[in-house]
Amino acid sequence: MIHELKELSQKEVMLMIEGALEVIVKNEDYFYQSGVDKKFSKLTPMGLEMVGKSMTALLPLLAVAHEQDLIEKAKKITFDTLSKEDVQ
């Protein structure tokens, strides 16, 4: 049975992005953590590729969530404005 995924909120997508980056930073194949100075810490070539793949997958979800939030805010403003006009 195929289930539709619910639309994710901006907060949910940001948590996914944060989690993906945390996993990348904790993996030695993807991130070199310098014991000398943080300025020497860096993504490995595989890490750069993984960040690109992760963001390619997650940023469109964030864009959809952002758009949905704007639509909901516009609906609320419109409803509130119409409600005030009906009362007067």
PDB file of N, CA and C in Angstrom:
ATOM      1  N   MET A   1       0.842  -1.178   0.000  1.00  0.00           N
ATOM      2  CA  MET A   1       0.000   0.000   0.000  1.00  0.00           C
ATOM      3  C   MET A   1       0.892   1.249   0.000  1.00  0.00           C
ATOM      4  N   ILE A   2       0.591   2.182  -0.861  1.00  0.00           N
ATOM      5  CA  ILE A   2       1.365   3.413  -0.966  1.00  0.00           C
ATOM      6  C   ILE A   2       0.696   4.487  -0.118  1.00  0.00           C
ATOM      7  N   HIS A   3       1.481   5.103   0.748  1.00  0.00           N
ATOM      8  CA  HIS A   3       0.984   6.181   1.598  1.00  0.00           C
ATOM      9  C   HIS A   3       1.603   7.491   1.124  1.00  0.00           C
ATOM     10  N   GLU A   4       0.793   8.521   1.138  1.00  0.00           N
ATOM     11  CA  GLU A   4       1.333   9.833   0.810  1.00  0.00           C
ATOM     12  C   GLU A   4       2.080  10.384   2.018  1.00  0.00           C
ATOM     13  N   LEU A   5       3.191  11.017   1.758  1.00  0.00           N
ATOM     14  CA  LEU A   5       3.921  11.672   2.834  1.00  0.00           C
ATOM     15  C   LEU A   5       3.225  12.972   3.175  1.00  0.00           C
ATOM     16  N   LYS A   6       3.134  13.254   4.459  1.00  0.00           N
ATOM     17  CA  LYS A   6       2.543  14.534   4.837  1.00  0.00           C
ATOM     18  C   LYS A   6       3.533  15.640   4.495  1.00  0.00           C
ATOM     19  N   GLU A   7       2.996  16.819   4.284  1.00  0.00           N
ATOM     20  CA  GLU A   7       3.892  17.941   4.020  1.00  0.00           C
ATOM     21  C   GLU A   7       4.642  18.265   5.296  1.00  0.00           C
ATOM     22  N   LEU A   8       5.911  18.499   5.159  1.00  0.00           N
ATOM     23  CA  LEU A   8       6.761  18.782   6.306  1.00  0.00           C
ATOM     24  C   LEU A   8       6.806  20.284   6.572  1.00  0.00           C
ATOM     25  N   SER A   9       6.923  20.636   7.839  1.00  0.00           N
ATOM     26  CA  SER A   9       7.062  22.044   8.201  1.00  0.00           C
ATOM     27  C   SER A   9       8.520  22.463   8.007  1.00  0.00           C
ATOM     28  N   GLN A  10       8.741  23.781   8.009  1.00  0.00           N
ATOM     29  CA  GLN A  10      10.109  24.280   7.899  1.00  0.00           C
ATOM     30  C   GLN A  10      10.969  23.759   9.050  1.00  0.00           C
ATOM     31  N   LYS A  11      10.395  23.714  10.236  1.00  0.00           N
ATOM     32  CA  LYS A  11      11.128  23.237  11.405  1.00  0.00           C
ATOM     33  C   LYS A  11      11.535  21.775  11.227  1.00  0.00           C
ATOM     34  N   GLU A  12      10.628  20.959  10.720  1.00  0.00           N
ATOM     35  CA  GLU A  12      10.932  19.540  10.511  1.00  0.00           C
ATOM     36  C   GLU A  12      12.038  19.358   9.476  1.00  0.00           C
ATOM     37  N   VAL A  13      11.971  20.118   8.400  1.00  0.00           N
ATOM     38  CA  VAL A  13      13.005  20.007   7.361  1.00  0.00           C
ATOM     39  C   VAL A  13      14.346  20.508   7.889  1.00  0.00           C
ATOM     40  N   MET A  14      14.329  21.590   8.652  1.00  0.00           N
ATOM     41  CA  MET A  14      15.579  22.096   9.226  1.00  0.00           C
ATOM     42  C   MET A  14      16.202  21.074  10.178  1.00  0.00           C
ATOM     43  N   LEU A  15      15.373  20.342  10.919  1.00  0.00           N
ATOM     44  CA  LEU A  15      15.894  19.280  11.781  1.00  0.00           C
ATOM     45  C   LEU A  15      16.535  18.167  10.947  1.00  0.00           C
ATOM     46  N   MET A  16      15.944  17.875   9.799  1.00  0.00           N
ATOM     47  CA  MET A  16      16.519  16.869   8.905  1.00  0.00           C
ATOM     48  C   MET A  16      17.868  17.341   8.365  1.00  0.00           C
ATOM     49  N   ILE A  17      17.945  18.608   7.987  1.00  0.00           N
ATOM     50  CA  ILE A  17      19.198  19.171   7.473  1.00  0.00           C
ATOM     51  C   ILE A  17      20.260  19.146   8.565  1.00  0.00           C
ATOM     52  N   GLU A  18      19.879  19.584   9.763  1.00  0.00           N
ATOM     53  CA  GLU A  18      20.818  19.572  10.885  1.00  0.00           C
ATOM     54  C   GLU A  18      21.306  18.150  11.167  1.00  0.00           C
ATOM     55  N   GLY A  19      20.406  17.190  11.144  1.00  0.00           N
ATOM     56  CA  GLY A  19      20.779  15.799  11.385  1.00  0.00           C
ATOM     57  C   GLY A  19      21.714  15.263  10.321  1.00  0.00           C
ATOM     58  N   ALA A  20      21.437  15.601   9.057  1.00  0.00           N
ATOM     59  CA  ALA A  20      22.296  15.145   7.962  1.00  0.00           C
ATOM     60  C   ALA A  20      23.706  15.717   8.113  1.00  0.00           C
ATOM     61  N   LEU A  21      23.794  16.992   8.440  1.00  0.00           N
ATOM     62  CA  LEU A  21      25.112  17.614   8.614  1.00  0.00           C
ATOM     63  C   LEU A  21      25.854  17.036   9.818  1.00  0.00           C
ATOM     64  N   GLU A  22      25.118  16.745  10.877  1.00  0.00           N
ATOM     65  CA  GLU A  22      25.748  16.156  12.059  1.00  0.00           C
ATOM     66  C   GLU A  22      26.336  14.780  11.739  1.00  0.00           C
ATOM     67  N   VAL A  23      25.592  13.983  10.991  1.00  0.00           N
ATOM     68  CA  VAL A  23      26.083  12.655  10.601  1.00  0.00           C
ATOM     69  C   VAL A  23      27.338  12.789   9.744  1.00  0.00           C
ATOM     70  N   ILE A  24      27.346  13.747   8.840  1.00  0.00           N
ATOM     71  CA  ILE A  24      28.507  13.959   7.976  1.00  0.00           C
ATOM     72  C   ILE A  24      29.730  14.369   8.796  1.00  0.00           C
ATOM     73  N   VAL A  25      29.546  15.296   9.723  1.00  0.00           N
ATOM     74  CA  VAL A  25      30.670  15.785  10.525  1.00  0.00           C
ATOM     75  C   VAL A  25      31.241  14.684  11.427  1.00  0.00           C
ATOM     76  N   LYS A  26      30.401  13.777  11.868  1.00  0.00           N
ATOM     77  CA  LYS A  26      30.858  12.712  12.762  1.00  0.00           C
ATOM     78  C   LYS A  26      31.511  11.541  12.029  1.00  0.00           C
ATOM     79  N   ASN A  27      31.479  11.543  10.707  1.00  0.00           N
ATOM     80  CA  ASN A  27      32.034  10.440   9.927  1.00  0.00           C
ATOM     81  C   ASN A  27      33.409  10.839   9.382  1.00  0.00           C
ATOM     82  N   GLU A  28      34.423  10.082   9.752  1.00  0.00           N
ATOM     83  CA  GLU A  28      35.798  10.402   9.326  1.00  0.00           C
ATOM     84  C   GLU A  28      35.981  10.358   7.816  1.00  0.00           C
ATOM     85  N   ASP A  29      35.165   9.574   7.125  1.00  0.00           N
ATOM     86  CA  ASP A  29      35.260   9.528   5.667  1.00  0.00           C
ATOM     87  C   ASP A  29      34.797  10.828   5.024  1.00  0.00           C
ATOM     88  N   TYR A  30      33.962  11.560   5.742  1.00  0.00           N
ATOM     89  CA  TYR A  30      33.381  12.778   5.192  1.00  0.00           C
ATOM     90  C   TYR A  30      33.968  14.066   5.768  1.00  0.00           C
ATOM     91  N   PHE A  31      34.530  13.979   6.976  1.00  0.00           N
ATOM     92  CA  PHE A  31      34.998  15.198   7.635  1.00  0.00           C
ATOM     93  C   PHE A  31      36.278  14.924   8.406  1.00  0.00           C
ATOM     94  N   TYR A  32      37.286  15.750   8.153  1.00  0.00           N
ATOM     95  CA  TYR A  32      38.544  15.647   8.891  1.00  0.00           C
ATOM     96  C   TYR A  32      38.479  16.631  10.048  1.00  0.00           C
ATOM     97  N   GLN A  33      38.550  16.106  11.280  1.00  0.00           N
ATOM     98  CA  GLN A  33      38.538  16.936  12.486  1.00  0.00           C
ATOM     99  C   GLN A  33      39.967  17.085  12.983  1.00  0.00           C
ATOM    100  N   SER A  34      40.520  18.269  12.879  1.00  0.00           N
ATOM    101  CA  SER A  34      41.891  18.520  13.297  1.00  0.00           C
ATOM    102  C   SER A  34      41.986  18.589  14.810  1.00  0.00           C
ATOM    103  N   GLY A  35      42.988  17.943  15.345  1.00  0.00           N
ATOM    104  CA  GLY A  35      43.252  18.028  16.768  1.00  0.00           C
ATOM    105  C   GLY A  35      44.115  19.224  17.113  1.00  0.00           C
ATOM    106  N   VAL A  36      44.656  19.892  16.095  1.00  0.00           N
ATOM    107  CA  VAL A  36      45.544  21.033  16.307  1.00  0.00           C
ATOM    108  C   VAL A  36      44.751  22.331  16.434  1.00  0.00           C
ATOM    109  N   ASP A  37      43.908  22.601  15.440  1.00  0.00           N
ATOM    110  CA  ASP A  37      43.151  23.848  15.421  1.00  0.00           C
ATOM    111  C   ASP A  37      41.939  23.636  14.523  1.00  0.00           C
ATOM    112  N   LYS A  38      40.807  24.210  14.908  1.00  0.00           N
ATOM    113  CA  LYS A  38      39.585  24.036  14.120  1.00  0.00           C
ATOM    114  C   LYS A  38      39.723  24.577  12.697  1.00  0.00           C
ATOM    115  N   LYS A  39      40.650  25.516  12.480  1.00  0.00           N
ATOM    116  CA  LYS A  39      40.807  26.062  11.128  1.00  0.00           C
ATOM    117  C   LYS A  39      41.364  25.017  10.160  1.00  0.00           C
ATOM    118  N   PHE A  40      41.911  23.921  10.693  1.00  0.00           N
ATOM    119  CA  PHE A  40      42.426  22.857   9.839  1.00  0.00           C
ATOM    120  C   PHE A  40      41.387  21.752   9.599  1.00  0.00           C
ATOM    121  N   SER A  41      40.256  21.808  10.300  1.00  0.00           N
ATOM    122  CA  SER A  41      39.178  20.835  10.081  1.00  0.00           C
ATOM    123  C   SER A  41      38.498  21.156   8.758  1.00  0.00           C
ATOM    124  N   LYS A  42      38.117  20.093   8.022  1.00  0.00           N
ATOM    125  CA  LYS A  42      37.499  20.347   6.712  1.00  0.00           C
ATOM    126  C   LYS A  42      36.759  19.114   6.219  1.00  0.00           C
ATOM    127  N   LEU A  43      35.887  19.355   5.262  1.00  0.00           N
ATOM    128  CA  LEU A  43      35.213  18.261   4.572  1.00  0.00           C
ATOM    129  C   LEU A  43      36.209  17.560   3.661  1.00  0.00           C
ATOM    130  N   THR A  44      36.082  16.247   3.578  1.00  0.00           N
ATOM    131  CA  THR A  44      36.882  15.496   2.612  1.00  0.00           C
ATOM    132  C   THR A  44      36.187  15.597   1.256  1.00  0.00           C
ATOM    133  N   PRO A  45      36.832  15.162   0.176  1.00  0.00           N
ATOM    134  CA  PRO A  45      36.131  15.159  -1.116  1.00  0.00           C
ATOM    135  C   PRO A  45      34.819  14.357  -1.074  1.00  0.00           C
ATOM    136  N   MET A  46      34.836  13.216  -0.373  1.00  0.00           N
ATOM    137  CA  MET A  46      33.588  12.443  -0.228  1.00  0.00           C
ATOM    138  C   MET A  46      32.563  13.220   0.599  1.00  0.00           C
ATOM    139  N   GLY A  47      33.050  13.978   1.581  1.00  0.00           N
ATOM    140  CA  GLY A  47      32.162  14.799   2.403  1.00  0.00           C
ATOM    141  C   GLY A  47      31.506  15.912   1.606  1.00  0.00           C
ATOM    142  N   LEU A  48      32.286  16.539   0.744  1.00  0.00           N
ATOM    143  CA  LEU A  48      31.725  17.580  -0.124  1.00  0.00           C
ATOM    144  C   LEU A  48      30.623  17.003  -1.012  1.00  0.00           C
ATOM    145  N   GLU A  49      30.881  15.817  -1.540  1.00  0.00           N
ATOM    146  CA  GLU A  49      29.891  15.157  -2.390  1.00  0.00           C
ATOM    147  C   GLU A  49      28.628  14.824  -1.578  1.00  0.00           C
ATOM    148  N   MET A  50      28.823  14.329  -0.358  1.00  0.00           N
ATOM    149  CA  MET A  50      27.677  13.960   0.475  1.00  0.00           C
ATOM    150  C   MET A  50      26.862  15.179   0.877  1.00  0.00           C
ATOM    151  N   VAL A  51      27.517  16.293   1.187  1.00  0.00           N
ATOM    152  CA  VAL A  51      26.788  17.521   1.505  1.00  0.00           C
ATOM    153  C   VAL A  51      25.957  17.948   0.288  1.00  0.00           C
ATOM    154  N   GLY A  52      26.563  17.886  -0.879  1.00  0.00           N
ATOM    155  CA  GLY A  52      25.833  18.242  -2.100  1.00  0.00           C
ATOM    156  C   GLY A  52      24.616  17.365  -2.325  1.00  0.00           C
ATOM    157  N   LYS A  53      24.793  16.060  -2.152  1.00  0.00           N
ATOM    158  CA  LYS A  53      23.668  15.135  -2.335  1.00  0.00           C
ATOM    159  C   LYS A  53      22.581  15.372  -1.288  1.00  0.00           C
ATOM    160  N   SER A  54      23.006  15.580  -0.052  1.00  0.00           N
ATOM    161  CA  SER A  54      22.041  15.804   1.028  1.00  0.00           C
ATOM    162  C   SER A  54      21.232  17.077   0.796  1.00  0.00           C
ATOM    163  N   MET A  55      21.927  18.147   0.437  1.00  0.00           N
ATOM    164  CA  MET A  55      21.234  19.416   0.219  1.00  0.00           C
ATOM    165  C   MET A  55      20.362  19.360  -1.030  1.00  0.00           C
ATOM    166  N   THR A  56      20.804  18.631  -2.046  1.00  0.00           N
ATOM    167  CA  THR A  56      19.996  18.470  -3.255  1.00  0.00           C
ATOM    168  C   THR A  56      18.673  17.783  -2.924  1.00  0.00           C
ATOM    169  N   ALA A  57      18.720  16.853  -1.976  1.00  0.00           N
ATOM    170  CA  ALA A  57      17.505  16.144  -1.577  1.00  0.00           C
ATOM    171  C   ALA A  57      16.642  16.962  -0.625  1.00  0.00           C
ATOM    172  N   LEU A  58      17.267  17.708   0.287  1.00  0.00           N
ATOM    173  CA  LEU A  58      16.512  18.360   1.354  1.00  0.00           C
ATOM    174  C   LEU A  58      16.065  19.787   1.053  1.00  0.00           C
ATOM    175  N   LEU A  59      16.841  20.538   0.294  1.00  0.00           N
ATOM    176  CA  LEU A  59      16.467  21.939   0.050  1.00  0.00           C
ATOM    177  C   LEU A  59      15.144  22.103  -0.701  1.00  0.00           C
ATOM    178  N   PRO A  60      14.821  21.224  -1.665  1.00  0.00           N
ATOM    179  CA  PRO A  60      13.487  21.350  -2.270  1.00  0.00           C
ATOM    180  C   PRO A  60      12.355  21.148  -1.255  1.00  0.00           C
ATOM    181  N   LEU A  61      12.563  20.261  -0.278  1.00  0.00           N
ATOM    182  CA  LEU A  61      11.560  20.081   0.774  1.00  0.00           C
ATOM    183  C   LEU A  61      11.411  21.355   1.598  1.00  0.00           C
ATOM    184  N   LEU A  62      12.534  22.023   1.862  1.00  0.00           N
ATOM    185  CA  LEU A  62      12.496  23.277   2.610  1.00  0.00           C
ATOM    186  C   LEU A  62      11.773  24.358   1.811  1.00  0.00           C
ATOM    187  N   ALA A  63      12.002  24.399   0.515  1.00  0.00           N
ATOM    188  CA  ALA A  63      11.335  25.392  -0.335  1.00  0.00           C
ATOM    189  C   ALA A  63       9.826  25.179  -0.332  1.00  0.00           C
ATOM    190  N   VAL A  64       9.392  23.928  -0.411  1.00  0.00           N
ATOM    191  CA  VAL A  64       7.958  23.615  -0.383  1.00  0.00           C
ATOM    192  C   VAL A  64       7.369  24.005   0.968  1.00  0.00           C
ATOM    193  N   ALA A  65       8.076  23.691   2.056  1.00  0.00           N
ATOM    194  CA  ALA A  65       7.591  24.033   3.392  1.00  0.00           C
ATOM    195  C   ALA A  65       7.487  25.548   3.562  1.00  0.00           C
ATOM    196  N   HIS A  66       8.476  26.258   3.052  1.00  0.00           N
ATOM    197  CA  HIS A  66       8.461  27.723   3.127  1.00  0.00           C
ATOM    198  C   HIS A  66       7.269  28.284   2.346  1.00  0.00           C
ATOM    199  N   GLU A  67       7.055  27.767   1.160  1.00  0.00           N
ATOM    200  CA  GLU A  67       5.932  28.223   0.335  1.00  0.00           C
ATOM    201  C   GLU A  67       4.601  27.937   1.030  1.00  0.00           C
ATOM    202  N   GLN A  68       4.487  26.764   1.641  1.00  0.00           N
ATOM    203  CA  GLN A  68       3.258  26.401   2.341  1.00  0.00           C
ATOM    204  C   GLN A  68       3.017  27.325   3.533  1.00  0.00           C
ATOM    205  N   ASP A  69       4.072  27.678   4.246  1.00  0.00           N
ATOM    206  CA  ASP A  69       3.941  28.623   5.356  1.00  0.00           C
ATOM    207  C   ASP A  69       3.452  29.985   4.867  1.00  0.00           C
ATOM    208  N   LEU A  70       3.992  30.445   3.742  1.00  0.00           N
ATOM    209  CA  LEU A  70       3.546  31.725   3.189  1.00  0.00           C
ATOM    210  C   LEU A  70       2.075  31.682   2.788  1.00  0.00           C
ATOM    211  N   ILE A  71       1.655  30.576   2.205  1.00  0.00           N
ATOM    212  CA  ILE A  71       0.251  30.419   1.807  1.00  0.00           C
ATOM    213  C   ILE A  71      -0.648  30.450   3.045  1.00  0.00           C
ATOM    214  N   GLU A  72      -0.240  29.730   4.092  1.00  0.00           N
ATOM    215  CA  GLU A  72      -1.031  29.712   5.325  1.00  0.00           C
ATOM    216  C   GLU A  72      -1.100  31.096   5.962  1.00  0.00           C
ATOM    217  N   LYS A  73       0.006  31.830   5.961  1.00  0.00           N
ATOM    218  CA  LYS A  73       0.007  33.190   6.516  1.00  0.00           C
ATOM    219  C   LYS A  73      -0.900  34.104   5.697  1.00  0.00           C
ATOM    220  N   ALA A  74      -0.856  33.969   4.381  1.00  0.00           N
ATOM    221  CA  ALA A  74      -1.711  34.793   3.521  1.00  0.00           C
ATOM    222  C   ALA A  74      -3.182  34.479   3.754  1.00  0.00           C
ATOM    223  N   LYS A  75      -3.502  33.199   3.913  1.00  0.00           N
ATOM    224  CA  LYS A  75      -4.892  32.813   4.194  1.00  0.00           C
ATOM    225  C   LYS A  75      -5.350  33.405   5.519  1.00  0.00           C
ATOM    226  N   LYS A  76      -4.489  33.350   6.535  1.00  0.00           N
ATOM    227  CA  LYS A  76      -4.843  33.880   7.856  1.00  0.00           C
ATOM    228  C   LYS A  76      -5.068  35.384   7.788  1.00  0.00           C
ATOM    229  N   ILE A  77      -4.181  36.093   7.093  1.00  0.00           N
ATOM    230  CA  ILE A  77      -4.324  37.549   6.964  1.00  0.00           C
ATOM    231  C   ILE A  77      -5.627  37.877   6.240  1.00  0.00           C
ATOM    232  N   THR A  78      -5.899  37.146   5.167  1.00  0.00           N
ATOM    233  CA  THR A  78      -7.129  37.380   4.402  1.00  0.00           C
ATOM    234  C   THR A  78      -8.357  37.105   5.256  1.00  0.00           C
ATOM    235  N   PHE A  79      -8.342  35.979   5.955  1.00  0.00           N
ATOM    236  CA  PHE A  79      -9.475  35.625   6.807  1.00  0.00           C
ATOM    237  C   PHE A  79      -9.672  36.662   7.904  1.00  0.00           C
ATOM    238  N   ASP A  80      -8.577  37.072   8.555  1.00  0.00           N
ATOM    239  CA  ASP A  80      -8.674  38.071   9.623  1.00  0.00           C
ATOM    240  C   ASP A  80      -9.213  39.391   9.089  1.00  0.00           C
ATOM    241  N   THR A  81      -8.743  39.801   7.912  1.00  0.00           N
ATOM    242  CA  THR A  81      -9.205  41.049   7.304  1.00  0.00           C
ATOM    243  C   THR A  81     -10.694  40.970   6.970  1.00  0.00           C
ATOM    244  N   LEU A  82     -11.108  39.848   6.382  1.00  0.00           N
ATOM    245  CA  LEU A  82     -12.531  39.686   6.034  1.00  0.00           C
ATOM    246  C   LEU A  82     -13.403  39.611   7.278  1.00  0.00           C
ATOM    247  N   SER A  83     -12.890  38.978   8.320  1.00  0.00           N
ATOM    248  CA  SER A  83     -13.650  38.879   9.574  1.00  0.00           C
ATOM    249  C   SER A  83     -13.872  40.250  10.183  1.00  0.00           C
ATOM    250  N   LYS A  84     -12.857  41.104  10.152  1.00  0.00           N
ATOM    251  CA  LYS A  84     -12.987  42.445  10.687  1.00  0.00           C
ATOM    252  C   LYS A  84     -13.961  43.271   9.880  1.00  0.00           C
ATOM    253  N   GLU A  85     -13.970  43.074   8.559  1.00  0.00           N
ATOM    254  CA  GLU A  85     -14.893  43.827   7.695  1.00  0.00           C
ATOM    255  C   GLU A  85     -16.323  43.393   7.933  1.00  0.00           C
ATOM    256  N   ASP A  86     -16.545  42.113   8.201  1.00  0.00           N
ATOM    257  CA  ASP A  86     -17.903  41.625   8.456  1.00  0.00           C
ATOM    258  C   ASP A  86     -18.484  42.191   9.743  1.00  0.00           C
ATOM    259  N   VAL A  87     -17.632  42.402  10.745  1.00  0.00           N
ATOM    260  CA  VAL A  87     -18.067  42.912  12.040  1.00  0.00           C
ATOM    261  C   VAL A  87     -18.456  44.375  11.931  1.00  0.00           C
ATOM    262  N   GLN A  88     -17.770  45.134  11.128  1.00  0.00           N
ATOM    263  CA  GLN A  88     -18.011  46.570  11.028  1.00  0.00           C
ATOM    264  C   GLN A  88     -19.178  46.871  10.193  1.00  0.00           C
TER     265      GLN A  88
END
